Amino acid sequence: MSEPTPSHPLAPVAESLQTARESVRRTAGQWRDAASQKASDLKASAAQRAAELREGLHEHSDELRDFAGDALKQAVDQYEQFMQEAESLAREKPRKALYTAFGVGLVIGLLLRR
């Protein structure tokens, strides 16, 4: 469709539409720029927060490693103590130890069948 000439009665409407288009383009450009700036700010903020979290994790990883090491050492000590007591019981009362082992094996076997 051709644009109306200045003497055409719809010329003011066409000019208004052209002005509105330019205004919409200008507003859209401003919104795009604002959104881009917000996205950039958000990205920078997220990167900073991630760096802070990473640093905090590094600080706590040593504490967690020490805690896990202590827990493992305690578990190993308890296991060794249990094994020593079991050996001692087996030497002192071999029949009782044999019956206990048989009973535990029987119970485990019945549980595993289900």
PDB file of N, CA and C in Angstrom:
ATOM      1  N   MET A   1       0.853  -1.159   0.000  1.00  0.00           N
ATOM      2  CA  MET A   1       0.000   0.000   0.000  1.00  0.00           C
ATOM      3  C   MET A   1       0.901   1.224   0.000  1.00  0.00           C
ATOM      4  N   SER A   2       0.572   2.185  -0.782  1.00  0.00           N
ATOM      5  CA  SER A   2       1.394   3.389  -0.870  1.00  0.00           C
ATOM      6  C   SER A   2       1.008   4.351   0.244  1.00  0.00           C
ATOM      7  N   GLU A   3       1.996   5.163   0.630  1.00  0.00           N
ATOM      8  CA  GLU A   3       1.737   6.116   1.703  1.00  0.00           C
ATOM      9  C   GLU A   3       0.948   7.297   1.149  1.00  0.00           C
ATOM     10  N   PRO A   4       0.067   7.865   1.956  1.00  0.00           N
ATOM     11  CA  PRO A   4      -0.731   9.000   1.475  1.00  0.00           C
ATOM     12  C   PRO A   4       0.135  10.226   1.248  1.00  0.00           C
ATOM     13  N   THR A   5      -0.211  10.983   0.288  1.00  0.00           N
ATOM     14  CA  THR A   5       0.505  12.227   0.005  1.00  0.00           C
ATOM     15  C   THR A   5       0.057  13.289   1.006  1.00  0.00           C
ATOM     16  N   PRO A   6       0.835  14.379   1.169  1.00  0.00           N
ATOM     17  CA  PRO A   6       0.487  15.400   2.157  1.00  0.00           C
ATOM     18  C   PRO A   6      -0.902  15.999   1.954  1.00  0.00           C
ATOM     19  N   SER A   7      -1.392  16.034   0.733  1.00  0.00           N
ATOM     20  CA  SER A   7      -2.708  16.622   0.511  1.00  0.00           C
ATOM     21  C   SER A   7      -3.822  15.612   0.763  1.00  0.00           C
ATOM     22  N   HIS A   8      -3.442  14.403   0.972  1.00  0.00           N
ATOM     23  CA  HIS A   8      -4.415  13.345   1.213  1.00  0.00           C
ATOM     24  C   HIS A   8      -5.023  13.528   2.596  1.00  0.00           C
ATOM     25  N   PRO A   9      -6.301  13.215   2.795  1.00  0.00           N
ATOM     26  CA  PRO A   9      -6.939  13.440   4.097  1.00  0.00           C
ATOM     27  C   PRO A   9      -6.394  12.529   5.198  1.00  0.00           C
ATOM     28  N   LEU A  10      -5.752  11.402   4.861  1.00  0.00           N
ATOM     29  CA  LEU A  10      -5.207  10.502   5.872  1.00  0.00           C
ATOM     30  C   LEU A  10      -3.748  10.814   6.209  1.00  0.00           C
ATOM     31  N   ALA A  11      -3.210  11.878   5.648  1.00  0.00           N
ATOM     32  CA  ALA A  11      -1.809  12.243   5.892  1.00  0.00           C
ATOM     33  C   ALA A  11      -1.519  12.451   7.369  1.00  0.00           C
ATOM     34  N   PRO A  12      -2.357  13.129   8.150  1.00  0.00           N
ATOM     35  CA  PRO A  12      -2.062  13.294   9.585  1.00  0.00           C
ATOM     36  C   PRO A  12      -2.062  11.958  10.320  1.00  0.00           C
ATOM     37  N   VAL A  13      -2.916  11.054   9.906  1.00  0.00           N
ATOM     38  CA  VAL A  13      -2.955   9.737  10.539  1.00  0.00           C
ATOM     39  C   VAL A  13      -1.669   8.987  10.237  1.00  0.00           C
ATOM     40  N   ALA A  14      -1.196   9.058   8.995  1.00  0.00           N
ATOM     41  CA  ALA A  14       0.041   8.391   8.598  1.00  0.00           C
ATOM     42  C   ALA A  14       1.218   8.960   9.376  1.00  0.00           C
ATOM     43  N   GLU A  15       1.231  10.276   9.549  1.00  0.00           N
ATOM     44  CA  GLU A  15       2.308  10.906  10.318  1.00  0.00           C
ATOM     45  C   GLU A  15       2.248  10.460  11.777  1.00  0.00           C
ATOM     46  N   SER A  16       1.057  10.371  12.316  1.00  0.00           N
ATOM     47  CA  SER A  16       0.895   9.911  13.700  1.00  0.00           C
ATOM     48  C   SER A  16       1.376   8.477  13.849  1.00  0.00           C
ATOM     49  N   LEU A  17       1.032   7.638  12.872  1.00  0.00           N
ATOM     50  CA  LEU A  17       1.503   6.248  12.909  1.00  0.00           C
ATOM     51  C   LEU A  17       3.020   6.186  12.834  1.00  0.00           C
ATOM     52  N   GLN A  18       3.604   7.005  11.977  1.00  0.00           N
ATOM     53  CA  GLN A  18       5.064   7.022  11.841  1.00  0.00           C
ATOM     54  C   GLN A  18       5.701   7.480  13.151  1.00  0.00           C
ATOM     55  N   THR A  19       5.143   8.485  13.776  1.00  0.00           N
ATOM     56  CA  THR A  19       5.650   8.981  15.056  1.00  0.00           C
ATOM     57  C   THR A  19       5.511   7.897  16.127  1.00  0.00           C
ATOM     58  N   ALA A  20       4.375   7.204  16.108  1.00  0.00           N
ATOM     59  CA  ALA A  20       4.151   6.132  17.081  1.00  0.00           C
ATOM     60  C   ALA A  20       5.152   5.001  16.873  1.00  0.00           C
ATOM     61  N   ARG A  21       5.413   4.628  15.609  1.00  0.00           N
ATOM     62  CA  ARG A  21       6.398   3.578  15.316  1.00  0.00           C
ATOM     63  C   ARG A  21       7.782   3.955  15.865  1.00  0.00           C
ATOM     64  N   GLU A  22       8.161   5.211  15.594  1.00  0.00           N
ATOM     65  CA  GLU A  22       9.473   5.675  16.069  1.00  0.00           C
ATOM     66  C   GLU A  22       9.527   5.669  17.590  1.00  0.00           C
ATOM     67  N   SER A  23       8.453   6.056  18.219  1.00  0.00           N
ATOM     68  CA  SER A  23       8.384   6.064  19.674  1.00  0.00           C
ATOM     69  C   SER A  23       8.485   4.639  20.226  1.00  0.00           C
ATOM     70  N   VAL A  24       7.789   3.712  19.579  1.00  0.00           N
ATOM     71  CA  VAL A  24       7.838   2.310  20.016  1.00  0.00           C
ATOM     72  C   VAL A  24       9.245   1.753  19.827  1.00  0.00           C
ATOM     73  N   ARG A  25       9.867   2.052  18.688  1.00  0.00           N
ATOM     74  CA  ARG A  25      11.247   1.580  18.445  1.00  0.00           C
ATOM     75  C   ARG A  25      12.204   2.141  19.497  1.00  0.00           C
ATOM     76  N   ARG A  26      12.040   3.439  19.779  1.00  0.00           N
ATOM     77  CA  ARG A  26      12.910   4.087  20.757  1.00  0.00           C
ATOM     78  C   ARG A  26      12.705   3.463  22.147  1.00  0.00           C
ATOM     79  N   THR A  27      11.444   3.243  22.532  1.00  0.00           N
ATOM     80  CA  THR A  27      11.130   2.635  23.830  1.00  0.00           C
ATOM     81  C   THR A  27      11.640   1.203  23.893  1.00  0.00           C
ATOM     82  N   ALA A  28      11.449   0.457  22.810  1.00  0.00           N
ATOM     83  CA  ALA A  28      11.935  -0.928  22.769  1.00  0.00           C
ATOM     84  C   ALA A  28      13.450  -0.956  22.903  1.00  0.00           C
ATOM     85  N   GLY A  29      14.121  -0.030  22.248  1.00  0.00           N
ATOM     86  CA  GLY A  29      15.580   0.051  22.358  1.00  0.00           C
ATOM     87  C   GLY A  29      16.016   0.367  23.785  1.00  0.00           C
ATOM     88  N   GLN A  30      15.290   1.271  24.440  1.00  0.00           N
ATOM     89  CA  GLN A  30      15.612   1.604  25.824  1.00  0.00           C
ATOM     90  C   GLN A  30      15.389   0.398  26.733  1.00  0.00           C
ATOM     91  N   TRP A  31      14.289  -0.315  26.510  1.00  0.00           N
ATOM     92  CA  TRP A  31      14.006  -1.508  27.322  1.00  0.00           C
ATOM     93  C   TRP A  31      15.059  -2.577  27.075  1.00  0.00           C
ATOM     94  N   ARG A  32      15.442  -2.745  25.814  1.00  0.00           N
ATOM     95  CA  ARG A  32      16.475  -3.732  25.484  1.00  0.00           C
ATOM     96  C   ARG A  32      17.791  -3.379  26.187  1.00  0.00           C
ATOM     97  N   ASP A  33      18.155  -2.106  26.135  1.00  0.00           N
ATOM     98  CA  ASP A  33      19.384  -1.669  26.807  1.00  0.00           C
ATOM     99  C   ASP A  33      19.294  -1.865  28.317  1.00  0.00           C
ATOM    100  N   ALA A  34      18.126  -1.527  28.886  1.00  0.00           N
ATOM    101  CA  ALA A  34      17.942  -1.691  30.328  1.00  0.00           C
ATOM    102  C   ALA A  34      17.991  -3.169  30.704  1.00  0.00           C
ATOM    103  N   ALA A  35      17.350  -4.023  29.906  1.00  0.00           N
ATOM    104  CA  ALA A  35      17.372  -5.461  30.184  1.00  0.00           C
ATOM    105  C   ALA A  35      18.783  -6.015  30.059  1.00  0.00           C
ATOM    106  N   SER A  36      19.500  -5.560  29.073  1.00  0.00           N
ATOM    107  CA  SER A  36      20.882  -6.001  28.891  1.00  0.00           C
ATOM    108  C   SER A  36      21.740  -5.590  30.087  1.00  0.00           C
ATOM    109  N   GLN A  37      21.537  -4.355  30.564  1.00  0.00           N
ATOM    110  CA  GLN A  37      22.290  -3.878  31.729  1.00  0.00           C
ATOM    111  C   GLN A  37      21.938  -4.682  32.974  1.00  0.00           C
ATOM    112  N   LYS A  38      20.639  -4.948  33.163  1.00  0.00           N
ATOM    113  CA  LYS A  38      20.211  -5.752  34.316  1.00  0.00           C
ATOM    114  C   LYS A  38      20.806  -7.151  34.238  1.00  0.00           C
ATOM    115  N   ALA A  39      20.792  -7.752  33.056  1.00  0.00           N
ATOM    116  CA  ALA A  39      21.359  -9.092  32.885  1.00  0.00           C
ATOM    117  C   ALA A  39      22.849  -9.082  33.184  1.00  0.00           C
ATOM    118  N   SER A  40      23.519  -8.056  32.736  1.00  0.00           N
ATOM    119  CA  SER A  40      24.949  -7.935  32.999  1.00  0.00           C
ATOM    120  C   SER A  40      25.220  -7.779  34.497  1.00  0.00           C
ATOM    121  N   ASP A  41      24.416  -6.946  35.151  1.00  0.00           N
ATOM    122  CA  ASP A  41      24.559  -6.765  36.604  1.00  0.00           C
ATOM    123  C   ASP A  41      24.284  -8.077  37.346  1.00  0.00           C
ATOM    124  N   LEU A  42      23.239  -8.775  36.926  1.00  0.00           N
ATOM    125  CA  LEU A  42      22.886 -10.046  37.554  1.00  0.00           C
ATOM    126  C   LEU A  42      23.997 -11.076  37.363  1.00  0.00           C
ATOM    127  N   LYS A  43      24.568 -11.109  36.174  1.00  0.00           N
ATOM    128  CA  LYS A  43      25.660 -12.048  35.897  1.00  0.00           C
ATOM    129  C   LYS A  43      26.868 -11.737  36.784  1.00  0.00           C
ATOM    130  N   ALA A  44      27.196 -10.465  36.913  1.00  0.00           N
ATOM    131  CA  ALA A  44      28.326 -10.078  37.757  1.00  0.00           C
ATOM    132  C   ALA A  44      28.048 -10.422  39.220  1.00  0.00           C
ATOM    133  N   SER A  45      26.824 -10.173  39.671  1.00  0.00           N
ATOM    134  CA  SER A  45      26.450 -10.489  41.047  1.00  0.00           C
ATOM    135  C   SER A  45      26.513 -11.997  41.300  1.00  0.00           C
ATOM    136  N   ALA A  46      26.018 -12.786  40.346  1.00  0.00           N
ATOM    137  CA  ALA A  46      26.055 -14.249  40.483  1.00  0.00           C
ATOM    138  C   ALA A  46      27.490 -14.753  40.505  1.00  0.00           C
ATOM    139  N   ALA A  47      28.342 -14.192  39.672  1.00  0.00           N
ATOM    140  CA  ALA A  47      29.746 -14.604  39.648  1.00  0.00           C
ATOM    141  C   ALA A  47      30.427 -14.283  40.979  1.00  0.00           C
ATOM    142  N   GLN A  48      30.119 -13.107  41.531  1.00  0.00           N
ATOM    143  CA  GLN A  48      30.696 -12.726  42.822  1.00  0.00           C
ATOM    144  C   GLN A  48      30.208 -13.659  43.925  1.00  0.00           C
ATOM    145  N   ARG A  49      28.919 -13.971  43.919  1.00  0.00           N
ATOM    146  CA  ARG A  49      28.352 -14.868  44.944  1.00  0.00           C
ATOM    147  C   ARG A  49      28.942 -16.268  44.811  1.00  0.00           C
ATOM    148  N   ALA A  50      29.115 -16.739  43.593  1.00  0.00           N
ATOM    149  CA  ALA A  50      29.709 -18.055  43.371  1.00  0.00           C
ATOM    150  C   ALA A  50      31.140 -18.090  43.900  1.00  0.00           C
ATOM    151  N   ALA A  51      31.881 -17.014  43.686  1.00  0.00           N
ATOM    152  CA  ALA A  51      33.254 -16.951  44.197  1.00  0.00           C
ATOM    153  C   ALA A  51      33.259 -16.978  45.725  1.00  0.00           C
ATOM    154  N   GLU A  52      32.312 -16.262  46.342  1.00  0.00           N
ATOM    155  CA  GLU A  52      32.225 -16.267  47.801  1.00  0.00           C
ATOM    156  C   GLU A  52      31.890 -17.665  48.323  1.00  0.00           C
ATOM    157  N   LEU A  53      30.941 -18.329  47.665  1.00  0.00           N
ATOM    158  CA  LEU A  53      30.571 -19.693  48.078  1.00  0.00           C
ATOM    159  C   LEU A  53      31.731 -20.657  47.907  1.00  0.00           C
ATOM    160  N   ARG A  54      32.440 -20.525  46.790  1.00  0.00           N
ATOM    161  CA  ARG A  54      33.592 -21.383  46.537  1.00  0.00           C
ATOM    162  C   ARG A  54      34.644 -21.204  47.644  1.00  0.00           C
ATOM    163  N   GLU A  55      34.889 -19.962  48.008  1.00  0.00           N
ATOM    164  CA  GLU A  55      35.866 -19.678  49.065  1.00  0.00           C
ATOM    165  C   GLU A  55      35.412 -20.277  50.396  1.00  0.00           C
ATOM    166  N   GLY A  56      34.109 -20.137  50.694  1.00  0.00           N
ATOM    167  CA  GLY A  56      33.572 -20.704  51.928  1.00  0.00           C
ATOM    168  C   GLY A  56      33.688 -22.216  51.950  1.00  0.00           C
ATOM    169  N   LEU A  57      33.447 -22.845  50.820  1.00  0.00           N
ATOM    170  CA  LEU A  57      33.570 -24.306  50.737  1.00  0.00           C
ATOM    171  C   LEU A  57      35.005 -24.749  50.972  1.00  0.00           C
ATOM    172  N   HIS A  58      35.945 -24.001  50.410  1.00  0.00           N
ATOM    173  CA  HIS A  58      37.355 -24.355  50.622  1.00  0.00           C
ATOM    174  C   HIS A  58      37.730 -24.246  52.099  1.00  0.00           C
ATOM    175  N   GLU A  59      37.182 -23.233  52.765  1.00  0.00           N
ATOM    176  CA  GLU A  59      37.472 -23.071  54.189  1.00  0.00           C
ATOM    177  C   GLU A  59      36.911 -24.241  55.002  1.00  0.00           C
ATOM    178  N   HIS A  60      35.708 -24.674  54.658  1.00  0.00           N
ATOM    179  CA  HIS A  60      35.061 -25.737  55.423  1.00  0.00           C
ATOM    180  C   HIS A  60      35.510 -27.129  54.996  1.00  0.00           C
ATOM    181  N   SER A  61      36.107 -27.252  53.831  1.00  0.00           N
ATOM    182  CA  SER A  61      36.512 -28.579  53.377  1.00  0.00           C
ATOM    183  C   SER A  61      37.590 -29.168  54.286  1.00  0.00           C
ATOM    184  N   ASP A  62      38.478 -28.334  54.786  1.00  0.00           N
ATOM    185  CA  ASP A  62      39.499 -28.834  55.709  1.00  0.00           C
ATOM    186  C   ASP A  62      38.860 -29.347  56.999  1.00  0.00           C
ATOM    187  N   GLU A  63      37.876 -28.594  57.504  1.00  0.00           N
ATOM    188  CA  GLU A  63      37.179 -29.025  58.716  1.00  0.00           C
ATOM    189  C   GLU A  63      36.446 -30.343  58.478  1.00  0.00           C
ATOM    190  N   LEU A  64      35.777 -30.452  57.336  1.00  0.00           N
ATOM    191  CA  LEU A  64      35.050 -31.683  57.012  1.00  0.00           C
ATOM    192  C   LEU A  64      35.999 -32.859  56.844  1.00  0.00           C
ATOM    193  N   ARG A  65      37.137 -32.617  56.216  1.00  0.00           N
ATOM    194  CA  ARG A  65      38.131 -33.674  56.024  1.00  0.00           C
ATOM    195  C   ARG A  65      38.640 -34.166  57.377  1.00  0.00           C
ATOM    196  N   ASP A  66      38.915 -33.237  58.293  1.00  0.00           N
ATOM    197  CA  ASP A  66      39.369 -33.622  59.633  1.00  0.00           C
ATOM    198  C   ASP A  66      38.287 -34.411  60.374  1.00  0.00           C
ATOM    199  N   PHE A  67      37.037 -33.948  60.275  1.00  0.00           N
ATOM    200  CA  PHE A  67      35.939 -34.633  60.931  1.00  0.00           C
ATOM    201  C   PHE A  67      35.777 -36.049  60.384  1.00  0.00           C
ATOM    202  N   ALA A  68      35.818 -36.190  59.063  1.00  0.00           N
ATOM    203  CA  ALA A  68      35.675 -37.514  58.441  1.00  0.00           C
ATOM    204  C   ALA A  68      36.836 -38.420  58.841  1.00  0.00           C
ATOM    205  N   GLY A  69      38.027 -37.866  58.909  1.00  0.00           N
ATOM    206  CA  GLY A  69      39.183 -38.653  59.328  1.00  0.00           C
ATOM    207  C   GLY A  69      39.039 -39.150  60.758  1.00  0.00           C
ATOM    208  N   ASP A  70      38.565 -38.265  61.643  1.00  0.00           N
ATOM    209  CA  ASP A  70      38.347 -38.663  63.039  1.00  0.00           C
ATOM    210  C   ASP A  70      37.267 -39.739  63.154  1.00  0.00           C
ATOM    211  N   ALA A  71      36.177 -39.564  62.387  1.00  0.00           N
ATOM    212  CA  ALA A  71      35.090 -40.549  62.428  1.00  0.00           C
ATOM    213  C   ALA A  71      35.570 -41.901  61.911  1.00  0.00           C
ATOM    214  N   LEU A  72      36.352 -41.891  60.853  1.00  0.00           N
ATOM    215  CA  LEU A  72      36.886 -43.144  60.313  1.00  0.00           C
ATOM    216  C   LEU A  72      37.819 -43.816  61.316  1.00  0.00           C
ATOM    217  N   LYS A  73      38.664 -43.022  61.971  1.00  0.00           N
ATOM    218  CA  LYS A  73      39.581 -43.579  62.970  1.00  0.00           C
ATOM    219  C   LYS A  73      38.795 -44.215  64.119  1.00  0.00           C
ATOM    220  N   GLN A  74      37.734 -43.547  64.575  1.00  0.00           N
ATOM    221  CA  GLN A  74      36.912 -44.109  65.642  1.00  0.00           C
ATOM    222  C   GLN A  74      36.241 -45.407  65.200  1.00  0.00           C
ATOM    223  N   ALA A  75      35.754 -45.431  63.969  1.00  0.00           N
ATOM    224  CA  ALA A  75      35.095 -46.638  63.458  1.00  0.00           C
ATOM    225  C   ALA A  75      36.085 -47.797  63.368  1.00  0.00           C
ATOM    226  N   VAL A  76      37.292 -47.509  62.908  1.00  0.00           N
ATOM    227  CA  VAL A  76      38.312 -48.554  62.821  1.00  0.00           C
ATOM    228  C   VAL A  76      38.680 -49.048  64.216  1.00  0.00           C
ATOM    229  N   ASP A  77      38.829 -48.136  65.164  1.00  0.00           N
ATOM    230  CA  ASP A  77      39.153 -48.530  66.546  1.00  0.00           C
ATOM    231  C   ASP A  77      38.047 -49.404  67.142  1.00  0.00           C
ATOM    232  N   GLN A  78      36.786 -49.010  66.915  1.00  0.00           N
ATOM    233  CA  GLN A  78      35.680 -49.815  67.442  1.00  0.00           C
ATOM    234  C   GLN A  78      35.631 -51.189  66.780  1.00  0.00           C
ATOM    235  N   TYR A  79      35.897 -51.241  65.487  1.00  0.00           N
ATOM    236  CA  TYR A  79      35.910 -52.525  64.782  1.00  0.00           C
ATOM    237  C   TYR A  79      37.001 -53.426  65.337  1.00  0.00           C
ATOM    238  N   GLU A  80      38.193 -52.857  65.516  1.00  0.00           N
ATOM    239  CA  GLU A  80      39.303 -53.660  66.052  1.00  0.00           C
ATOM    240  C   GLU A  80      38.987 -54.144  67.466  1.00  0.00           C
ATOM    241  N   GLN A  81      38.369 -53.276  68.276  1.00  0.00           N
ATOM    242  CA  GLN A  81      38.000 -53.672  69.636  1.00  0.00           C
ATOM    243  C   GLN A  81      36.958 -54.794  69.596  1.00  0.00           C
ATOM    244  N   PHE A  82      35.967 -54.678  68.723  1.00  0.00           N
ATOM    245  CA  PHE A  82      34.953 -55.714  68.586  1.00  0.00           C
ATOM    246  C   PHE A  82      35.578 -57.034  68.152  1.00  0.00           C
ATOM    247  N   MET A  83      36.493 -56.970  67.193  1.00  0.00           N
ATOM    248  CA  MET A  83      37.142 -58.194  66.709  1.00  0.00           C
ATOM    249  C   MET A  83      37.981 -58.847  67.818  1.00  0.00           C
ATOM    250  N   GLN A  84      38.654 -58.044  68.623  1.00  0.00           N
ATOM    251  CA  GLN A  84      39.432 -58.590  69.737  1.00  0.00           C
ATOM    252  C   GLN A  84      38.522 -59.270  70.756  1.00  0.00           C
ATOM    253  N   GLU A  85      37.382 -58.639  71.057  1.00  0.00           N
ATOM    254  CA  GLU A  85      36.439 -59.236  71.993  1.00  0.00           C
ATOM    255  C   GLU A  85      35.853 -60.531  71.426  1.00  0.00           C
ATOM    256  N   ALA A  86      35.571 -60.532  70.118  1.00  0.00           N
ATOM    257  CA  ALA A  86      35.022 -61.741  69.484  1.00  0.00           C
ATOM    258  C   ALA A  86      36.052 -62.866  69.516  1.00  0.00           C
ATOM    259  N   GLU A  87      37.306 -62.555  69.244  1.00  0.00           N
ATOM    260  CA  GLU A  87      38.358 -63.569  69.304  1.00  0.00           C
ATOM    261  C   GLU A  87      38.533 -64.093  70.722  1.00  0.00           C
ATOM    262  N   SER A  88      38.489 -63.172  71.685  1.00  0.00           N
ATOM    263  CA  SER A  88      38.634 -63.551  73.081  1.00  0.00           C
ATOM    264  C   SER A  88      37.490 -64.480  73.504  1.00  0.00           C
ATOM    265  N   LEU A  89      36.255 -64.143  73.107  1.00  0.00           N
ATOM    266  CA  LEU A  89      35.104 -64.971  73.421  1.00  0.00           C
ATOM    267  C   LEU A  89      35.216 -66.343  72.749  1.00  0.00           C
ATOM    268  N   ALA A  90      35.681 -66.334  71.502  1.00  0.00           N
ATOM    269  CA  ALA A  90      35.812 -67.603  70.775  1.00  0.00           C
ATOM    270  C   ALA A  90      36.863 -68.497  71.430  1.00  0.00           C
ATOM    271  N   ARG A  91      37.907 -67.926  71.980  1.00  0.00           N
ATOM    272  CA  ARG A  91      38.954 -68.733  72.636  1.00  0.00           C
ATOM    273  C   ARG A  91      38.474 -69.249  73.995  1.00  0.00           C
ATOM    274  N   GLU A  92      37.733 -68.384  74.729  1.00  0.00           N
ATOM    275  CA  GLU A  92      37.286 -68.770  76.059  1.00  0.00           C
ATOM    276  C   GLU A  92      36.099 -69.740  76.002  1.00  0.00           C
ATOM    277  N   LYS A  93      35.171 -69.503  75.110  1.00  0.00           N
ATOM    278  CA  LYS A  93      33.956 -70.320  75.020  1.00  0.00           C
ATOM    279  C   LYS A  93      33.695 -70.653  73.551  1.00  0.00           C
ATOM    280  N   PRO A  94      34.443 -71.602  73.008  1.00  0.00           N
ATOM    281  CA  PRO A  94      34.309 -71.881  71.577  1.00  0.00           C
ATOM    282  C   PRO A  94      32.929 -72.424  71.198  1.00  0.00           C
ATOM    283  N   ARG A  95      32.342 -73.226  72.062  1.00  0.00           N
ATOM    284  CA  ARG A  95      31.036 -73.783  71.740  1.00  0.00           C
ATOM    285  C   ARG A  95      29.980 -72.674  71.662  1.00  0.00           C
ATOM    286  N   LYS A  96      30.006 -71.781  72.623  1.00  0.00           N
ATOM    287  CA  LYS A  96      29.052 -70.675  72.635  1.00  0.00           C
ATOM    288  C   LYS A  96      29.258 -69.785  71.403  1.00  0.00           C
ATOM    289  N   ALA A  97      30.494 -69.513  71.023  1.00  0.00           N
ATOM    290  CA  ALA A  97      30.800 -68.704  69.846  1.00  0.00           C
ATOM    291  C   ALA A  97      30.301 -69.392  68.584  1.00  0.00           C
ATOM    292  N   LEU A  98      30.467 -70.720  68.502  1.00  0.00           N
ATOM    293  CA  LEU A  98      30.013 -71.469  67.331  1.00  0.00           C
ATOM    294  C   LEU A  98      28.490 -71.412  67.223  1.00  0.00           C
ATOM    295  N   TYR A  99      27.796 -71.634  68.350  1.00  0.00           N
ATOM    296  CA  TYR A  99      26.328 -71.565  68.329  1.00  0.00           C
ATOM    297  C   TYR A  99      25.841 -70.160  67.962  1.00  0.00           C
ATOM    298  N   THR A 100      26.512 -69.150  68.484  1.00  0.00           N
ATOM    299  CA  THR A 100      26.138 -67.768  68.174  1.00  0.00           C
ATOM    300  C   THR A 100      26.319 -67.491  66.687  1.00  0.00           C
ATOM    301  N   ALA A 101      27.456 -67.908  66.143  1.00  0.00           N
ATOM    302  CA  ALA A 101      27.713 -67.699  64.715  1.00  0.00           C
ATOM    303  C   ALA A 101      26.677 -68.441  63.867  1.00  0.00           C
ATOM    304  N   PHE A 102      26.332 -69.673  64.286  1.00  0.00           N
ATOM    305  CA  PHE A 102      25.324 -70.449  63.557  1.00  0.00           C
ATOM    306  C   PHE A 102      23.977 -69.739  63.607  1.00  0.00           C
ATOM    307  N   GLY A 103      23.586 -69.233  64.775  1.00  0.00           N
ATOM    308  CA  GLY A 103      22.306 -68.539  64.934  1.00  0.00           C
ATOM    309  C   GLY A 103      22.240 -67.264  64.104  1.00  0.00           C
ATOM    310  N   VAL A 104      23.327 -66.520  64.114  1.00  0.00           N
ATOM    311  CA  VAL A 104      23.365 -65.281  63.327  1.00  0.00           C
ATOM    312  C   VAL A 104      23.278 -65.620  61.841  1.00  0.00           C
ATOM    313  N   GLY A 105      24.003 -66.637  61.409  1.00  0.00           N
ATOM    314  CA  GLY A 105      23.955 -67.047  60.006  1.00  0.00           C
ATOM    315  C   GLY A 105      22.573 -67.517  59.604  1.00  0.00           C
ATOM    316  N   LEU A 106      21.909 -68.253  60.498  1.00  0.00           N
ATOM    317  CA  LEU A 106      20.563 -68.738  60.214  1.00  0.00           C
ATOM    318  C   LEU A 106      19.584 -67.583  60.070  1.00  0.00           C
ATOM    319  N   VAL A 107      19.657 -66.618  60.970  1.00  0.00           N
ATOM    320  CA  VAL A 107      18.762 -65.463  60.917  1.00  0.00           C
ATOM    321  C   VAL A 107      19.009 -64.666  59.640  1.00  0.00           C
ATOM    322  N   ILE A 108      20.262 -64.446  59.306  1.00  0.00           N
ATOM    323  CA  ILE A 108      20.583 -63.698  58.087  1.00  0.00           C
ATOM    324  C   ILE A 108      20.087 -64.457  56.862  1.00  0.00           C
ATOM    325  N   GLY A 109      20.273 -65.764  56.840  1.00  0.00           N
ATOM    326  CA  GLY A 109      19.793 -66.565  55.735  1.00  0.00           C
ATOM    327  C   GLY A 109      18.296 -66.481  55.567  1.00  0.00           C
ATOM    328  N   LEU A 110      17.550 -66.545  56.693  1.00  0.00           N
ATOM    329  CA  LEU A 110      16.092 -66.431  56.613  1.00  0.00           C
ATOM    330  C   LEU A 110      15.655 -65.055  56.135  1.00  0.00           C
ATOM    331  N   LEU A 111      16.349 -64.039  56.577  1.00  0.00           N
ATOM    332  CA  LEU A 111      16.013 -62.678  56.145  1.00  0.00           C
ATOM    333  C   LEU A 111      16.269 -62.478  54.658  1.00  0.00           C
ATOM    334  N   LEU A 112      17.352 -63.062  54.161  1.00  0.00           N
ATOM    335  CA  LEU A 112      17.705 -62.898  52.762  1.00  0.00           C
ATOM    336  C   LEU A 112      16.772 -63.690  51.837  1.00  0.00           C
ATOM    337  N   ARG A 113      16.140 -64.726  52.340  1.00  0.00           N
ATOM    338  CA  ARG A 113      15.218 -65.515  51.515  1.00  0.00           C
ATOM    339  C   ARG A 113      13.979 -64.719  51.143  1.00  0.00           C
ATOM    340  N   ARG A 114      13.549 -63.841  51.986  1.00  0.00           N
ATOM    341  CA  ARG A 114      12.296 -63.094  51.769  1.00  0.00           C
ATOM    342  C   ARG A 114      12.425 -62.149  50.648  1.00  0.00           C
TER     343      ARG A 114
END
